[in-house]
Amino acid sequence: MNISAWGLLLFLSGCFMRTESLNTTSDRLYKDLLSPDYNKYIQPLYNETAETDVGVSIDLSQIKEVSEQKQSITTSVWISAVWSDYRLQWDPLLYDNVTKVFLPQAMLWKPDMYLENSFDGSGWIFDYKDMANSFAALEHSGAVIAIQFQHVTTFCDLNVQRLKKLSSIKWRAFYDDNTN
């Protein structure tokens, strides 16, 4: 075997060893984060008076249909939500300096958000049945970034004769706000 073949063999063995190390670290981190103690149905609160702040942005991708007869508009939107889940924090030094992972959204707590003026009653955002192939970015600080692509149909007050088109998308969060 010549020197270049040995060099290639050494390089490839180093690549495989590093990949195995990352997989082991990722597996360990995944198991530690989503231990049996983690409950995706429980809102991440430090205590009974705390709140979970959720930042939401909606980007219009496409207007698919406008129906004057039905008084509705169907759009395609990207919905981004960011929040912090203290239960999903880790020290990167304990996990080969891994600072971000991607986990299936279906395995994480997500805010209950509903499209209030949904035309067809299917206004749940981050619906678990639609999560099969959706991932969320999780940072070591516990920050969760979830993005969902969705088609939404909303009621829309349309009057083409007066060239007046008034339409809005109204969101509502369903949660216990601890105000008695």
Protein backbone atom coordinates (compact mmCIF):
# COMPACT_ATOMS: atom_id res chain seq x y z
CA MET A 1 0.00 0.00 0.00
CA ASN A 2 1.46 3.38 -0.93
CA ILE A 3 1.56 6.51 1.23
CA SER A 4 -1.48 8.20 -0.36
CA ALA A 5 -3.61 5.08 0.21
CA TRP A 6 -2.55 5.03 3.89
CA GLY A 7 -3.35 8.73 4.14
CA LEU A 8 -6.82 8.18 2.68
CA LEU A 9 -7.44 5.25 5.01
CA LEU A 10 -6.34 7.31 8.03
CA PHE A 11 -8.52 10.25 6.94
CA LEU A 12 -11.60 8.06 6.44
CA SER A 13 -11.15 6.28 9.76
CA GLY A 14 -10.97 9.67 11.47
CA CYS A 15 -14.20 10.73 9.75
CA PHE A 16 -16.02 7.59 10.85
CA MET A 17 -14.76 7.92 14.42
CA ARG A 18 -15.92 11.55 14.59
CA THR A 19 -19.34 10.66 13.16
CA GLU A 20 -19.73 7.86 15.70
CA SER A 21 -18.78 10.27 18.49
CA LEU A 22 -21.38 12.82 17.33
CA ASN A 23 -24.07 10.15 17.05
CA THR A 24 -23.30 8.93 20.55
CA THR A 25 -23.38 12.50 21.88
CA SER A 26 -26.59 13.31 20.01
CA ASP A 27 -28.22 10.11 21.24
CA ARG A 28 -27.22 10.85 24.82
CA LEU A 29 -28.45 14.45 24.58
CA TYR A 30 -31.72 13.36 23.01
CA LYS A 31 -32.32 10.79 25.76
CA ASP A 32 -31.42 13.29 28.48
CA LEU A 33 -33.69 16.03 27.10
CA LEU A 34 -36.70 13.83 26.45
CA SER A 35 -36.42 11.69 29.54
CA PRO A 36 -39.57 10.11 30.99
CA ASP A 37 -39.80 13.17 33.26
CA TYR A 38 -40.44 15.49 30.28
CA ASN A 39 -44.16 15.93 29.63
CA LYS A 40 -45.01 17.67 26.36
CA TYR A 41 -48.53 18.37 27.61
CA ILE A 42 -47.34 20.52 30.54
CA GLN A 43 -46.60 24.18 29.91
CA PRO A 44 -42.99 25.07 30.82
CA LEU A 45 -43.42 27.22 33.94
CA TYR A 46 -40.86 27.78 36.68
CA ASN A 47 -43.62 28.31 39.22
CA GLU A 48 -47.38 28.91 39.48
CA THR A 49 -47.13 32.67 38.86
CA ALA A 50 -44.79 32.48 35.87
CA GLU A 51 -45.85 32.85 32.25
CA THR A 52 -44.52 31.41 29.04
CA ASP A 53 -43.86 34.24 26.60
CA VAL A 54 -44.33 33.17 22.99
CA GLY A 55 -43.20 35.32 20.09
CA VAL A 56 -45.19 34.68 16.91
CA SER A 57 -44.70 35.89 13.37
CA ILE A 58 -46.74 35.06 10.31
CA ASP A 59 -45.40 35.39 6.79
CA LEU A 60 -47.81 35.30 3.88
CA SER A 61 -46.60 32.91 1.21
CA GLN A 62 -49.52 32.88 -1.19
CA ILE A 63 -53.13 33.98 -1.61
CA LYS A 64 -54.74 30.82 -2.91
CA GLU A 65 -58.40 31.78 -3.23
CA VAL A 66 -60.67 34.74 -2.62
CA SER A 67 -64.39 33.95 -2.59
CA GLU A 68 -66.82 36.85 -2.60
CA GLN A 69 -69.74 34.44 -2.47
CA LYS A 70 -68.44 32.62 0.63
CA GLN A 71 -66.89 35.78 2.09
CA SER A 72 -63.64 33.91 2.65
CA ILE A 73 -59.98 34.03 1.75
CA THR A 74 -57.58 31.09 1.65
CA THR A 75 -53.89 31.76 2.15
CA SER A 76 -50.68 29.82 2.62
CA VAL A 77 -48.64 31.10 5.56
CA TRP A 78 -45.44 30.32 7.45
CA ILE A 79 -46.07 30.56 11.19
CA SER A 80 -42.99 30.94 13.39
CA ALA A 81 -43.15 30.68 17.15
CA VAL A 82 -40.32 31.13 19.65
CA TRP A 83 -40.45 30.40 23.37
CA SER A 84 -38.24 29.14 26.15
CA ASP A 85 -38.58 25.78 27.85
CA TYR A 86 -36.28 25.62 30.88
CA ARG A 87 -36.67 21.82 30.94
CA LEU A 88 -34.80 21.60 27.62
CA GLN A 89 -31.59 23.39 28.66
CA TRP A 90 -28.17 21.73 28.64
CA ASP A 91 -24.52 22.54 29.16
CA PRO A 92 -22.73 22.30 25.77
CA LEU A 93 -19.48 21.34 27.53
CA LEU A 94 -21.10 18.08 28.64
CA TYR A 95 -22.16 17.25 25.07
CA ASP A 96 -19.09 17.85 22.85
CA ASN A 97 -19.99 21.56 22.47
CA VAL A 98 -23.32 20.81 20.78
CA THR A 99 -25.34 24.03 21.07
CA LYS A 100 -28.33 23.27 18.83
CA VAL A 101 -30.36 20.21 17.93
CA PHE A 102 -33.44 19.57 15.82
CA LEU A 103 -36.21 17.52 17.38
CA PRO A 104 -39.63 16.46 16.08
CA GLN A 105 -42.20 19.08 17.05
CA ALA A 106 -44.61 16.32 18.03
CA MET A 107 -42.33 15.46 20.98
CA LEU A 108 -42.26 18.99 22.44
CA TRP A 109 -44.66 21.26 24.28
CA LYS A 110 -46.13 23.83 21.91
CA PRO A 111 -48.40 26.78 22.58
CA ASP A 112 -52.11 26.24 21.96
CA MET A 113 -52.89 28.71 19.22
CA TYR A 114 -56.14 28.86 17.30
CA LEU A 115 -57.24 30.83 14.26
CA GLU A 116 -60.26 32.57 15.75
CA ASN A 117 -61.96 33.49 12.47
CA SER A 118 -61.36 30.15 10.78
CA PHE A 119 -63.86 29.56 7.99
CA ASP A 120 -63.94 25.78 8.23
CA GLY A 121 -63.18 25.23 11.92
CA SER A 122 -59.73 23.77 11.29
CA GLY A 123 -57.80 26.61 12.81
CA TRP A 124 -55.47 24.86 15.26
CA ILE A 125 -51.85 25.81 14.73
CA PHE A 126 -49.19 23.28 15.73
CA ASP A 127 -51.81 20.55 15.59
CA TYR A 128 -50.21 17.25 16.63
CA LYS A 129 -51.70 15.36 13.67
CA ASP A 130 -49.84 17.67 11.27
CA MET A 131 -46.48 17.31 13.04
CA ALA A 132 -45.23 14.05 11.57
CA ASN A 133 -42.45 15.64 9.51
CA SER A 134 -42.01 18.99 11.28
CA PHE A 135 -38.91 19.70 13.32
CA ALA A 136 -38.12 22.43 15.83
CA ALA A 137 -34.72 23.96 16.47
CA LEU A 138 -33.72 23.71 20.12
CA GLU A 139 -30.86 25.77 21.50
CA HIS A 140 -28.88 24.85 24.62
CA SER A 141 -30.42 27.85 26.43
CA GLY A 142 -33.85 26.20 26.14
CA ALA A 143 -35.02 28.45 23.29
CA VAL A 144 -37.37 26.59 20.96
CA ILE A 145 -38.00 27.77 17.40
CA ALA A 146 -40.91 26.04 15.68
CA ILE A 147 -42.01 26.83 12.14
CA GLN A 148 -45.19 25.50 10.58
CA PHE A 149 -46.44 25.87 6.99
CA GLN A 150 -50.20 25.96 6.85
CA HIS A 151 -53.11 26.72 4.55
CA VAL A 152 -55.72 28.82 6.37
CA THR A 153 -59.18 29.86 5.28
CA THR A 154 -60.66 32.81 7.14
CA PHE A 155 -63.87 34.78 7.02
CA CYS A 156 -63.32 37.96 5.04
CA ASP A 157 -65.77 40.85 4.56
CA LEU A 158 -65.63 41.36 0.78
CA ASN A 159 -67.58 43.93 -1.19
CA VAL A 160 -66.20 44.08 -4.71
CA GLN A 161 -68.76 46.68 -5.86
CA ARG A 162 -67.36 49.24 -3.44
CA LEU A 163 -63.80 47.95 -3.96
CA LYS A 164 -63.67 47.41 -0.25
CA LYS A 165 -61.84 44.36 0.96
CA LEU A 166 -61.53 44.03 4.70
CA SER A 167 -59.85 40.91 5.92
CA SER A 168 -57.86 39.94 8.97
CA ILE A 169 -56.50 36.83 10.57
CA LYS A 170 -57.31 36.67 14.28
CA TRP A 171 -55.27 34.39 16.53
CA ARG A 172 -56.13 33.29 20.04
CA ALA A 173 -54.03 31.51 22.61
CA PHE A 174 -55.74 28.94 24.81
CA TYR A 175 -54.03 28.59 28.15
CA ASP A 176 -54.51 29.16 31.84
CA ASP A 177 -53.27 32.69 32.45
CA ASN A 178 -53.35 32.24 36.24
CA THR A 179 -55.49 35.34 36.77
CA ASN A 180 -58.27 34.64 39.24
